[in-house]
Amino acid sequence: MPKLSDKDPLKLTKLQKGILAYRYFVLTNSLD
């Protein structure tokens, strides 16, 4: 997992949020 603790979530762009959400979605589904 990429380190995100040094970034402010409120400053992420909508695109970045979408990418993170997509990667999280793929990651969680790959564990099943």
N, C-alpha and C. Protein backbone atom coordinates (compact mmCIF):
# COMPACT_ATOMS: atom_id res chain seq x y z
N MET A 1 0.83 -1.21 0.00
CA MET A 1 0.00 0.00 0.00
C MET A 1 0.86 1.25 0.00
N PRO A 2 0.52 2.24 -0.79
CA PRO A 2 1.28 3.49 -0.80
C PRO A 2 1.10 4.24 0.50
N LYS A 3 2.13 4.97 0.88
CA LYS A 3 2.05 5.74 2.13
C LYS A 3 1.26 7.02 1.89
N LEU A 4 0.18 7.18 2.63
CA LEU A 4 -0.67 8.35 2.44
C LEU A 4 -0.72 9.23 3.68
N SER A 5 0.01 8.81 4.74
CA SER A 5 -0.07 9.53 6.00
C SER A 5 0.52 10.93 5.90
N ASP A 6 1.35 11.16 4.89
CA ASP A 6 1.99 12.47 4.76
C ASP A 6 1.19 13.39 3.85
N LYS A 7 0.00 12.95 3.44
CA LYS A 7 -0.83 13.78 2.57
C LYS A 7 -2.12 14.17 3.26
N ASP A 8 -2.63 15.35 2.95
CA ASP A 8 -3.89 15.81 3.52
C ASP A 8 -5.03 15.37 2.61
N PRO A 9 -5.89 14.46 3.09
CA PRO A 9 -7.00 13.95 2.27
C PRO A 9 -7.89 15.05 1.73
N LEU A 10 -8.01 16.16 2.46
CA LEU A 10 -8.89 17.24 2.02
C LEU A 10 -8.32 17.98 0.82
N LYS A 11 -7.01 17.79 0.56
CA LYS A 11 -6.38 18.50 -0.55
C LYS A 11 -6.31 17.64 -1.81
N LEU A 12 -6.77 16.40 -1.71
CA LEU A 12 -6.77 15.54 -2.88
C LEU A 12 -7.80 16.01 -3.88
N THR A 13 -7.46 15.89 -5.14
CA THR A 13 -8.41 16.27 -6.18
C THR A 13 -9.43 15.16 -6.36
N LYS A 14 -10.50 15.45 -7.04
CA LYS A 14 -11.54 14.43 -7.28
C LYS A 14 -10.94 13.26 -8.06
N LEU A 15 -10.03 13.55 -8.97
CA LEU A 15 -9.39 12.48 -9.74
C LEU A 15 -8.57 11.58 -8.83
N GLN A 16 -7.80 12.19 -7.95
CA GLN A 16 -6.97 11.41 -7.03
C GLN A 16 -7.83 10.56 -6.11
N LYS A 17 -8.94 11.13 -5.66
CA LYS A 17 -9.86 10.37 -4.80
C LYS A 17 -10.42 9.18 -5.58
N GLY A 18 -10.73 9.42 -6.85
CA GLY A 18 -11.27 8.35 -7.67
C GLY A 18 -10.26 7.23 -7.86
N ILE A 19 -9.00 7.61 -8.08
CA ILE A 19 -7.94 6.62 -8.25
C ILE A 19 -7.76 5.81 -6.97
N LEU A 20 -7.73 6.49 -5.84
CA LEU A 20 -7.56 5.80 -4.57
C LEU A 20 -8.74 4.87 -4.30
N ALA A 21 -9.94 5.34 -4.60
CA ALA A 21 -11.13 4.52 -4.38
C ALA A 21 -11.10 3.29 -5.28
N TYR A 22 -10.67 3.47 -6.53
CA TYR A 22 -10.58 2.36 -7.47
C TYR A 22 -9.55 1.33 -7.02
N ARG A 23 -8.38 1.82 -6.60
CA ARG A 23 -7.32 0.92 -6.16
C ARG A 23 -7.76 0.16 -4.91
N TYR A 24 -8.45 0.86 -4.01
CA TYR A 24 -8.94 0.21 -2.78
C TYR A 24 -9.98 -0.85 -3.14
N PHE A 25 -10.86 -0.52 -4.09
CA PHE A 25 -11.90 -1.44 -4.53
C PHE A 25 -11.28 -2.71 -5.12
N VAL A 26 -10.27 -2.53 -5.97
CA VAL A 26 -9.60 -3.67 -6.59
C VAL A 26 -8.86 -4.49 -5.54
N LEU A 27 -8.21 -3.80 -4.61
CA LEU A 27 -7.45 -4.49 -3.56
C LEU A 27 -8.36 -5.36 -2.71
N THR A 28 -9.48 -4.80 -2.27
CA THR A 28 -10.38 -5.55 -1.40
C THR A 28 -11.01 -6.73 -2.14
N ASN A 29 -11.31 -6.55 -3.42
CA ASN A 29 -11.91 -7.63 -4.19
C ASN A 29 -10.91 -8.74 -4.49
N SER A 30 -9.64 -8.39 -4.58
CA SER A 30 -8.62 -9.38 -4.90
C SER A 30 -8.35 -10.29 -3.71
N LEU A 31 -8.80 -9.90 -2.53
CA LEU A 31 -8.57 -10.70 -1.33
C LEU A 31 -9.61 -11.80 -1.17
N ASP A 32 -10.70 -11.71 -1.89
CA ASP A 32 -11.76 -12.72 -1.76
C ASP A 32 -11.35 -14.01 -2.45
